[in-house]
N, C-alpha and C. Protein backbone atom coordinates (compact mmCIF):
# COMPACT_ATOMS: atom_id res chain seq x y z
N MET A 1 0.84 -1.19 0.00
CA MET A 1 0.00 0.00 0.00
C MET A 1 0.88 1.25 0.00
N SER A 2 0.41 2.27 -0.63
CA SER A 2 1.12 3.54 -0.69
C SER A 2 0.53 4.49 0.35
N TRP A 3 1.39 5.18 1.08
CA TRP A 3 0.96 6.08 2.14
C TRP A 3 1.31 7.51 1.77
N LEU A 4 0.41 8.43 2.06
CA LEU A 4 0.63 9.84 1.79
C LEU A 4 1.57 10.41 2.84
N LEU A 5 2.67 11.00 2.40
CA LEU A 5 3.62 11.62 3.31
C LEU A 5 3.28 13.10 3.46
N GLY A 6 3.43 13.60 4.68
CA GLY A 6 3.07 14.98 4.96
C GLY A 6 4.16 15.97 4.61
N THR A 7 3.75 17.22 4.50
CA THR A 7 4.66 18.32 4.18
C THR A 7 4.46 19.42 5.23
N ALA A 8 5.24 20.47 5.10
CA ALA A 8 5.12 21.61 6.02
C ALA A 8 3.71 22.20 5.99
N THR A 9 3.04 22.14 4.87
CA THR A 9 1.68 22.66 4.75
C THR A 9 0.72 21.92 5.68
N ASP A 10 0.91 20.62 5.84
CA ASP A 10 0.01 19.81 6.67
C ASP A 10 0.13 20.10 8.16
N VAL A 11 1.25 20.66 8.57
CA VAL A 11 1.46 20.96 10.00
C VAL A 11 1.60 22.46 10.27
N GLU A 12 1.38 23.29 9.24
CA GLU A 12 1.48 24.74 9.41
C GLU A 12 0.59 25.24 10.53
N TRP A 13 -0.59 24.67 10.68
CA TRP A 13 -1.51 25.09 11.74
C TRP A 13 -0.92 24.86 13.13
N ILE A 14 0.03 23.93 13.24
CA ILE A 14 0.71 23.68 14.51
C ILE A 14 1.90 24.62 14.64
N THR A 15 2.75 24.67 13.62
CA THR A 15 3.98 25.45 13.71
C THR A 15 3.71 26.95 13.87
N SER A 16 2.64 27.44 13.28
CA SER A 16 2.35 28.87 13.37
C SER A 16 1.74 29.29 14.70
N ALA A 17 1.27 28.35 15.49
CA ALA A 17 0.54 28.71 16.71
C ALA A 17 1.16 28.21 18.01
N THR A 18 2.22 27.42 17.94
CA THR A 18 2.85 26.95 19.17
C THR A 18 3.92 27.94 19.63
N THR A 19 4.24 27.86 20.90
CA THR A 19 5.18 28.79 21.53
C THR A 19 6.34 28.02 22.14
N ILE A 20 7.36 28.72 22.53
CA ILE A 20 8.47 28.09 23.24
C ILE A 20 8.40 28.56 24.68
N ASP A 21 7.72 27.78 25.51
CA ASP A 21 7.56 28.08 26.93
C ASP A 21 7.07 26.82 27.63
N THR A 22 6.55 26.92 28.83
CA THR A 22 6.10 25.73 29.56
C THR A 22 4.58 25.57 29.56
N THR A 23 3.87 26.39 28.81
CA THR A 23 2.42 26.25 28.74
C THR A 23 2.05 25.13 27.77
N ILE A 24 0.80 24.76 27.76
CA ILE A 24 0.31 23.72 26.85
C ILE A 24 0.53 24.14 25.40
N SER A 25 0.61 25.44 25.15
CA SER A 25 0.82 25.94 23.78
C SER A 25 2.21 25.64 23.24
N SER A 26 3.10 25.10 24.05
CA SER A 26 4.41 24.71 23.53
C SER A 26 4.28 23.45 22.67
N ALA A 27 3.20 22.69 22.86
CA ALA A 27 2.97 21.47 22.09
C ALA A 27 1.66 21.49 21.32
N ILE A 28 0.70 22.24 21.81
CA ILE A 28 -0.66 22.23 21.26
C ILE A 28 -1.09 23.67 20.93
N PRO A 29 -1.49 23.95 19.70
CA PRO A 29 -1.98 25.29 19.39
C PRO A 29 -3.17 25.66 20.27
N PRO A 30 -3.29 26.92 20.66
CA PRO A 30 -4.40 27.34 21.53
C PRO A 30 -5.71 27.54 20.76
N VAL A 31 -6.17 26.48 20.11
CA VAL A 31 -7.38 26.55 19.29
C VAL A 31 -8.46 25.58 19.77
N PHE A 32 -8.19 24.86 20.84
CA PHE A 32 -9.11 23.82 21.29
C PHE A 32 -9.92 24.27 22.50
N ASP A 33 -11.02 23.56 22.75
CA ASP A 33 -11.88 23.86 23.89
C ASP A 33 -11.25 23.44 25.22
N ALA A 34 -10.45 22.36 25.20
CA ALA A 34 -9.90 21.83 26.45
C ALA A 34 -8.54 21.18 26.19
N TYR A 35 -7.78 21.03 27.29
CA TYR A 35 -6.41 20.51 27.20
C TYR A 35 -6.13 19.60 28.39
N ALA A 36 -5.17 18.70 28.19
CA ALA A 36 -4.74 17.81 29.27
C ALA A 36 -3.31 17.36 29.02
N THR A 37 -2.71 16.84 30.08
CA THR A 37 -1.44 16.15 29.95
C THR A 37 -1.62 14.75 30.52
N ILE A 38 -0.85 13.82 29.98
CA ILE A 38 -0.83 12.46 30.51
C ILE A 38 0.63 12.11 30.76
N VAL A 39 0.96 11.87 32.02
CA VAL A 39 2.32 11.45 32.37
C VAL A 39 2.50 10.05 31.81
N LEU A 40 3.60 9.84 31.12
CA LEU A 40 3.86 8.56 30.48
C LEU A 40 4.35 7.54 31.49
N ALA A 41 3.77 6.35 31.45
CA ALA A 41 4.13 5.27 32.37
C ALA A 41 5.58 4.85 32.12
N GLU A 42 6.25 4.43 33.17
CA GLU A 42 7.64 3.99 33.04
C GLU A 42 7.74 2.48 32.85
N ASP A 43 6.79 1.73 33.36
CA ASP A 43 6.78 0.28 33.22
C ASP A 43 6.24 -0.08 31.84
N ARG A 44 6.89 -0.98 31.14
CA ARG A 44 6.49 -1.32 29.76
C ARG A 44 5.06 -1.85 29.67
N ARG A 45 4.65 -2.68 30.63
CA ARG A 45 3.26 -3.19 30.58
C ARG A 45 2.27 -2.07 30.79
N ASP A 46 2.55 -1.18 31.76
CA ASP A 46 1.67 -0.04 31.99
C ASP A 46 1.66 0.89 30.78
N MET A 47 2.84 1.05 30.17
CA MET A 47 2.95 1.90 28.99
C MET A 47 2.09 1.35 27.85
N GLN A 48 2.11 0.05 27.66
CA GLN A 48 1.30 -0.56 26.60
C GLN A 48 -0.19 -0.39 26.88
N ARG A 49 -0.61 -0.62 28.11
CA ARG A 49 -2.02 -0.41 28.47
C ARG A 49 -2.42 1.04 28.30
N GLN A 50 -1.52 1.93 28.70
CA GLN A 50 -1.77 3.36 28.58
C GLN A 50 -1.93 3.75 27.10
N GLY A 51 -1.04 3.27 26.25
CA GLY A 51 -1.12 3.56 24.82
C GLY A 51 -2.39 3.00 24.20
N ASP A 52 -2.75 1.77 24.57
CA ASP A 52 -3.98 1.17 24.07
C ASP A 52 -5.20 1.97 24.51
N ALA A 53 -5.19 2.42 25.76
CA ALA A 53 -6.32 3.21 26.28
C ALA A 53 -6.42 4.55 25.56
N LEU A 54 -5.29 5.20 25.37
CA LEU A 54 -5.29 6.48 24.67
C LEU A 54 -5.85 6.32 23.25
N LEU A 55 -5.37 5.33 22.53
CA LEU A 55 -5.87 5.11 21.17
C LEU A 55 -7.36 4.75 21.17
N SER A 56 -7.81 3.99 22.16
CA SER A 56 -9.21 3.64 22.25
C SER A 56 -10.09 4.88 22.42
N VAL A 57 -9.69 5.77 23.32
CA VAL A 57 -10.46 7.00 23.53
C VAL A 57 -10.42 7.87 22.27
N LEU A 58 -9.25 7.98 21.65
CA LEU A 58 -9.16 8.79 20.43
C LEU A 58 -10.06 8.24 19.33
N ARG A 59 -10.10 6.92 19.18
CA ARG A 59 -10.99 6.31 18.17
C ARG A 59 -12.45 6.64 18.47
N GLU A 60 -12.84 6.47 19.74
CA GLU A 60 -14.22 6.72 20.14
C GLU A 60 -14.63 8.17 19.93
N GLN A 61 -13.70 9.09 20.14
CA GLN A 61 -14.01 10.51 20.09
C GLN A 61 -13.74 11.14 18.72
N SER A 62 -13.27 10.36 17.77
CA SER A 62 -12.89 10.91 16.47
C SER A 62 -13.95 10.62 15.42
N SER A 63 -14.32 11.64 14.68
CA SER A 63 -15.23 11.44 13.57
C SER A 63 -14.47 11.04 12.31
N SER A 64 -13.16 11.20 12.35
CA SER A 64 -12.32 10.88 11.19
C SER A 64 -11.54 9.58 11.43
N VAL A 65 -11.51 8.72 10.43
CA VAL A 65 -10.73 7.49 10.53
C VAL A 65 -9.33 7.68 9.93
N VAL A 66 -9.13 8.82 9.28
CA VAL A 66 -7.83 9.12 8.69
C VAL A 66 -7.11 10.09 9.62
N TRP A 67 -5.92 9.70 10.04
CA TRP A 67 -5.12 10.48 10.97
C TRP A 67 -3.76 10.79 10.37
N TRP A 68 -3.16 11.87 10.83
CA TRP A 68 -1.76 12.14 10.55
C TRP A 68 -0.95 11.59 11.71
N LEU A 69 0.08 10.83 11.41
CA LEU A 69 0.99 10.27 12.41
C LEU A 69 2.36 10.91 12.19
N GLY A 70 2.94 11.43 13.25
CA GLY A 70 4.25 12.07 13.15
C GLY A 70 5.28 11.34 13.99
N TYR A 71 6.38 11.01 13.36
CA TYR A 71 7.48 10.30 14.02
C TYR A 71 8.71 11.19 14.05
N LEU A 72 9.14 11.57 15.25
CA LEU A 72 10.28 12.44 15.41
C LEU A 72 11.58 11.68 15.14
N ASP A 73 12.43 12.26 14.33
CA ASP A 73 13.72 11.66 14.02
C ASP A 73 14.75 12.12 15.04
N THR A 74 14.95 11.31 16.09
CA THR A 74 15.93 11.63 17.12
C THR A 74 17.29 10.99 16.82
N GLY A 75 17.31 10.13 15.83
CA GLY A 75 18.52 9.37 15.54
C GLY A 75 18.48 8.00 16.17
N ALA A 76 17.66 7.84 17.20
CA ALA A 76 17.55 6.54 17.89
C ALA A 76 16.18 5.92 17.71
N ASP A 77 15.15 6.74 17.55
CA ASP A 77 13.78 6.23 17.43
C ASP A 77 13.48 5.77 16.01
N ASP A 78 12.54 4.85 15.91
CA ASP A 78 12.08 4.34 14.63
C ASP A 78 11.12 5.37 14.01
N VAL A 79 11.47 5.88 12.84
CA VAL A 79 10.60 6.84 12.16
C VAL A 79 9.70 6.15 11.14
N VAL A 80 9.72 4.84 11.09
CA VAL A 80 8.87 3.99 10.27
C VAL A 80 9.22 4.06 8.78
N PHE A 81 9.37 5.25 8.25
CA PHE A 81 9.74 5.46 6.85
C PHE A 81 11.08 6.20 6.84
N PRO A 82 12.19 5.49 6.99
CA PRO A 82 13.49 6.15 7.16
C PRO A 82 13.93 7.02 5.98
N ASP A 83 13.46 6.74 4.78
CA ASP A 83 13.88 7.51 3.61
C ASP A 83 12.91 8.65 3.27
N ALA A 84 11.87 8.82 4.07
CA ALA A 84 10.88 9.86 3.80
C ALA A 84 11.45 11.24 4.11
N PRO A 85 10.97 12.25 3.40
CA PRO A 85 11.41 13.62 3.71
C PRO A 85 10.92 14.02 5.10
N ARG A 86 11.66 14.91 5.73
CA ARG A 86 11.32 15.38 7.08
C ARG A 86 10.57 16.71 6.99
N THR A 87 9.64 16.87 7.92
CA THR A 87 8.90 18.10 8.10
C THR A 87 9.29 18.64 9.46
N HIS A 88 9.56 19.91 9.57
CA HIS A 88 10.07 20.46 10.83
C HIS A 88 8.96 21.11 11.65
N LEU A 89 8.96 20.77 12.93
CA LEU A 89 7.98 21.29 13.89
C LEU A 89 8.70 21.78 15.14
N TYR A 90 7.95 22.53 15.93
CA TYR A 90 8.45 23.02 17.22
C TYR A 90 9.81 23.70 17.05
N GLY A 91 10.85 23.27 17.73
CA GLY A 91 12.17 23.89 17.62
C GLY A 91 12.93 23.39 16.42
N HIS A 92 12.27 23.30 15.27
CA HIS A 92 12.84 22.79 14.02
C HIS A 92 13.25 21.32 14.13
N TRP A 93 12.48 20.55 14.89
CA TRP A 93 12.75 19.12 15.03
C TRP A 93 12.20 18.40 13.80
N PRO A 94 12.97 17.44 13.25
CA PRO A 94 12.54 16.74 12.03
C PRO A 94 11.57 15.60 12.31
N TYR A 95 10.42 15.64 11.67
CA TYR A 95 9.39 14.61 11.80
C TYR A 95 9.12 13.98 10.44
N VAL A 96 8.79 12.71 10.44
CA VAL A 96 8.22 12.05 9.28
C VAL A 96 6.72 12.04 9.53
N MET A 97 5.96 12.64 8.64
CA MET A 97 4.51 12.72 8.76
C MET A 97 3.88 11.78 7.73
N VAL A 98 2.96 10.94 8.20
CA VAL A 98 2.32 9.96 7.33
C VAL A 98 0.83 9.96 7.60
N GLN A 99 0.02 9.96 6.55
CA GLN A 99 -1.42 9.88 6.71
C GLN A 99 -1.80 8.40 6.76
N ALA A 100 -2.41 7.99 7.88
CA ALA A 100 -2.77 6.59 8.08
C ALA A 100 -3.98 6.55 9.01
N GLY A 101 -3.91 5.77 10.08
CA GLY A 101 -5.03 5.66 11.00
C GLY A 101 -4.63 5.05 12.33
N ALA A 102 -5.62 4.73 13.13
CA ALA A 102 -5.39 4.21 14.48
C ALA A 102 -4.65 2.87 14.46
N ALA A 103 -4.99 2.00 13.53
CA ALA A 103 -4.33 0.68 13.47
C ALA A 103 -2.84 0.84 13.23
N GLN A 104 -2.45 1.75 12.35
CA GLN A 104 -1.05 1.97 12.07
C GLN A 104 -0.36 2.66 13.26
N ALA A 105 -1.07 3.57 13.92
CA ALA A 105 -0.50 4.24 15.10
C ALA A 105 -0.15 3.22 16.17
N ALA A 106 -0.94 2.17 16.27
CA ALA A 106 -0.73 1.14 17.29
C ALA A 106 0.33 0.12 16.93
N THR A 107 0.63 -0.02 15.65
CA THR A 107 1.45 -1.17 15.25
C THR A 107 2.70 -0.86 14.44
N TRP A 108 2.81 0.29 13.83
CA TRP A 108 3.91 0.53 12.92
C TRP A 108 5.27 0.58 13.59
N ARG A 109 5.34 1.14 14.77
CA ARG A 109 6.62 1.33 15.44
C ARG A 109 6.81 0.24 16.49
N SER A 110 7.99 -0.33 16.49
CA SER A 110 8.32 -1.27 17.56
C SER A 110 8.67 -0.45 18.79
N ASP A 111 8.78 -1.08 19.95
CA ASP A 111 9.18 -0.33 21.14
C ASP A 111 10.43 0.46 20.80
N SER A 112 10.37 1.73 21.06
CA SER A 112 11.41 2.65 20.63
C SER A 112 12.52 2.72 21.67
N PRO A 113 13.73 2.30 21.34
CA PRO A 113 14.81 2.31 22.32
C PRO A 113 15.24 3.71 22.72
N GLY A 114 15.12 4.66 21.84
CA GLY A 114 15.57 6.01 22.14
C GLY A 114 14.59 6.80 22.98
N HIS A 115 13.36 6.36 23.06
CA HIS A 115 12.34 7.09 23.81
C HIS A 115 11.51 6.07 24.60
N PHE A 116 12.05 5.59 25.68
CA PHE A 116 11.43 4.52 26.46
C PHE A 116 9.98 4.83 26.80
N TRP A 117 9.67 6.06 27.19
CA TRP A 117 8.32 6.38 27.65
C TRP A 117 7.30 6.26 26.54
N LEU A 118 7.68 6.63 25.35
CA LEU A 118 6.71 6.67 24.27
C LEU A 118 6.35 5.30 23.73
N GLY A 119 7.30 4.37 23.77
CA GLY A 119 7.01 3.05 23.25
C GLY A 119 6.70 3.08 21.78
N ARG A 120 5.58 2.49 21.41
CA ARG A 120 5.24 2.33 19.99
C ARG A 120 4.46 3.48 19.38
N LEU A 121 3.85 4.31 20.17
CA LEU A 121 2.99 5.36 19.60
C LEU A 121 3.80 6.42 18.87
N PRO A 122 3.19 7.04 17.86
CA PRO A 122 3.84 8.17 17.20
C PRO A 122 4.02 9.33 18.17
N ASN A 123 4.92 10.23 17.86
CA ASN A 123 5.14 11.41 18.70
C ASN A 123 4.03 12.43 18.52
N LEU A 124 3.37 12.38 17.37
CA LEU A 124 2.34 13.35 17.04
C LEU A 124 1.20 12.61 16.35
N ILE A 125 -0.05 12.90 16.77
CA ILE A 125 -1.22 12.27 16.15
C ILE A 125 -2.33 13.32 16.08
N PHE A 126 -2.94 13.44 14.91
CA PHE A 126 -4.15 14.25 14.80
C PHE A 126 -4.97 13.79 13.60
N PRO A 127 -6.30 13.89 13.68
CA PRO A 127 -7.14 13.50 12.54
C PRO A 127 -7.09 14.57 11.46
N THR A 128 -7.47 14.17 10.26
CA THR A 128 -7.42 15.13 9.15
C THR A 128 -8.34 16.33 9.36
N ASP A 129 -9.37 16.18 10.20
CA ASP A 129 -10.25 17.33 10.47
C ASP A 129 -9.70 18.25 11.56
N ARG A 130 -8.55 17.88 12.14
CA ARG A 130 -7.83 18.68 13.16
C ARG A 130 -8.68 18.95 14.39
N SER A 131 -9.59 18.04 14.71
CA SER A 131 -10.47 18.24 15.86
C SER A 131 -9.78 17.99 17.20
N TRP A 132 -8.62 17.36 17.18
CA TRP A 132 -7.81 17.14 18.38
C TRP A 132 -6.36 16.94 17.96
N LEU A 133 -5.46 17.04 18.93
CA LEU A 133 -4.04 16.86 18.67
C LEU A 133 -3.39 16.23 19.89
N VAL A 134 -2.58 15.22 19.66
CA VAL A 134 -1.79 14.57 20.71
C VAL A 134 -0.33 14.76 20.33
N SER A 135 0.46 15.30 21.26
CA SER A 135 1.87 15.57 20.98
C SER A 135 2.72 15.20 22.18
N THR A 136 3.75 14.40 21.92
CA THR A 136 4.73 14.06 22.95
C THR A 136 6.06 14.62 22.49
N LEU A 137 6.49 15.68 23.14
CA LEU A 137 7.75 16.31 22.78
C LEU A 137 8.91 15.41 23.23
N TRP A 138 9.98 15.42 22.49
CA TRP A 138 11.07 14.45 22.70
C TRP A 138 11.72 14.55 24.07
N ASP A 139 11.70 15.70 24.68
CA ASP A 139 12.40 15.86 25.96
C ASP A 139 11.47 15.89 27.16
N ASP A 140 10.21 15.53 26.98
CA ASP A 140 9.24 15.48 28.09
C ASP A 140 8.82 14.05 28.35
N ASP A 141 8.44 13.76 29.58
CA ASP A 141 7.92 12.43 29.90
C ASP A 141 6.41 12.49 30.13
N TRP A 142 5.76 13.32 29.36
CA TRP A 142 4.31 13.42 29.34
C TRP A 142 3.85 13.76 27.94
N THR A 143 2.58 13.49 27.71
CA THR A 143 1.94 13.78 26.43
C THR A 143 0.98 14.93 26.64
N CYS A 144 0.89 15.82 25.67
CA CYS A 144 -0.05 16.94 25.70
C CYS A 144 -1.17 16.65 24.71
N ILE A 145 -2.39 17.01 25.11
CA ILE A 145 -3.56 16.77 24.28
C ILE A 145 -4.43 18.02 24.26
N GLY A 146 -4.95 18.34 23.10
CA GLY A 146 -5.94 19.40 22.97
C GLY A 146 -7.09 18.87 22.15
N GLY A 147 -8.30 19.29 22.48
CA GLY A 147 -9.45 18.84 21.71
C GLY A 147 -10.76 19.28 22.34
N PRO A 148 -11.85 18.67 21.93
CA PRO A 148 -13.15 18.98 22.52
C PRO A 148 -13.17 18.61 24.00
N ALA A 149 -13.99 19.30 24.76
CA ALA A 149 -14.11 19.03 26.20
C ALA A 149 -14.48 17.57 26.46
N ALA A 150 -15.31 16.98 25.61
CA ALA A 150 -15.71 15.57 25.80
C ALA A 150 -14.52 14.63 25.68
N LEU A 151 -13.59 14.91 24.80
CA LEU A 151 -12.39 14.09 24.66
C LEU A 151 -11.54 14.19 25.92
N ILE A 152 -11.31 15.39 26.39
CA ILE A 152 -10.47 15.58 27.59
C ILE A 152 -11.15 14.93 28.79
N GLU A 153 -12.45 15.05 28.89
CA GLU A 153 -13.21 14.41 29.97
C GLU A 153 -13.06 12.89 29.90
N ALA A 154 -13.17 12.34 28.71
CA ALA A 154 -13.01 10.88 28.54
C ALA A 154 -11.61 10.42 28.92
N LEU A 155 -10.61 11.19 28.58
CA LEU A 155 -9.23 10.82 28.92
C LEU A 155 -8.99 10.89 30.43
N THR A 156 -9.44 11.97 31.06
CA THR A 156 -9.16 12.16 32.49
C THR A 156 -10.01 11.23 33.37
N ASN A 157 -11.06 10.65 32.81
CA ASN A 157 -11.89 9.71 33.58
C ASN A 157 -11.69 8.25 33.20
N HIS A 158 -10.86 7.98 32.20
CA HIS A 158 -10.65 6.60 31.74
C HIS A 158 -9.93 5.79 32.81
N LEU A 159 -10.38 4.58 33.04
CA LEU A 159 -9.82 3.71 34.09
C LEU A 159 -8.30 3.57 34.00
N GLU A 160 -7.75 3.39 32.81
CA GLU A 160 -6.31 3.22 32.64
C GLU A 160 -5.53 4.53 32.62
N LEU A 161 -6.21 5.64 32.38
CA LEU A 161 -5.51 6.90 32.20
C LEU A 161 -5.67 7.89 33.35
N ARG A 162 -6.73 7.78 34.13
CA ARG A 162 -7.05 8.83 35.09
C ARG A 162 -5.98 9.08 36.14
N ARG A 163 -5.18 8.08 36.49
CA ARG A 163 -4.11 8.34 37.47
C ARG A 163 -2.94 9.08 36.85
N TYR A 164 -2.86 9.11 35.53
CA TYR A 164 -1.78 9.79 34.81
C TYR A 164 -2.21 11.14 34.22
N ALA A 165 -3.51 11.31 34.02
CA ALA A 165 -4.03 12.46 33.27
C ALA A 165 -4.48 13.58 34.19
N ARG A 166 -4.30 14.79 33.68
CA ARG A 166 -4.84 15.96 34.39
C ARG A 166 -5.19 17.03 33.38
N ARG A 167 -6.26 17.71 33.67
CA ARG A 167 -6.71 18.82 32.83
C ARG A 167 -5.74 19.98 33.01
N VAL A 168 -5.50 20.71 31.93
CA VAL A 168 -4.62 21.87 31.94
C VAL A 168 -5.35 23.02 31.26
N GLU A 169 -5.24 24.20 31.84
CA GLU A 169 -5.87 25.37 31.25
C GLU A 169 -4.89 26.08 30.32
N ARG A 170 -5.41 26.74 29.32
CA ARG A 170 -4.59 27.53 28.41
C ARG A 170 -3.84 28.59 29.24
N GLY A 171 -2.56 28.74 29.01
CA GLY A 171 -1.76 29.71 29.74
C GLY A 171 -1.13 29.17 31.02
N GLN A 172 -1.62 28.03 31.50
CA GLN A 172 -1.09 27.40 32.71
C GLN A 172 0.19 26.63 32.37
N ASP A 173 1.11 26.54 33.33
CA ASP A 173 2.29 25.70 33.15
C ASP A 173 1.79 24.27 32.99
N ALA A 174 2.15 23.64 31.87
CA ALA A 174 1.66 22.29 31.58
C ALA A 174 2.53 21.21 32.22
N THR A 175 3.63 21.57 32.84
CA THR A 175 4.53 20.60 33.46
C THR A 175 3.78 19.89 34.59
N PRO A 176 3.64 18.58 34.52
CA PRO A 176 2.95 17.87 35.60
C PRO A 176 3.69 18.01 36.93
N PRO A 177 2.97 18.02 38.05
CA PRO A 177 3.62 18.11 39.35
C PRO A 177 4.67 17.01 39.51
N GLY A 178 5.84 17.38 40.02
CA GLY A 178 6.91 16.42 40.24
C GLY A 178 7.76 16.17 39.02
N HIS A 179 7.47 16.84 37.91
CA HIS A 179 8.24 16.68 36.66
C HIS A 179 8.93 18.00 36.34
N ARG A 180 9.87 17.91 35.41
CA ARG A 180 10.64 19.10 35.06
C ARG A 180 10.65 19.29 33.55
N ALA A 181 10.32 20.48 33.13
CA ALA A 181 10.40 20.82 31.70
C ALA A 181 11.85 21.13 31.38
N ILE A 182 12.32 20.56 30.29
CA ILE A 182 13.71 20.79 29.90
C ILE A 182 13.79 21.84 28.83
């Protein structure tokens, strides 16, 4: 199967609206109704359950079955398509962007040795309708999410996620308690 690779145009809505600071806007454009962070599990089994739960909620809350998946090229992580052109986001970090879906988000990447916390999930996920965005920056041990209030509510109340998830307000320091932004 042939997969559509993303360009700077596909992520312009992110690059033009994110900031370099400790607020949620460092990872998520301030265009959503609600925001949250999820501290990434350190145990591999918990990490797998956490990833499965996150994808389950995203599937349930998404009207689009086509998603953009972004894989950050750290030099150690699997970018899935090693020869694909890179698109730059945030602090000019190189990403491989691929249009696919939830099944590919769950299975394309093997456990990533360079980013233990992230495991198999892409670093960036959003549906083609841009109704939500999930972003895990390479130097953080948490994931940032923006989207409809119902999505954030579902994430913060999910049995597997609620101990890791917390709602974050726009403008608030998004660094989870006990963690450090680098």
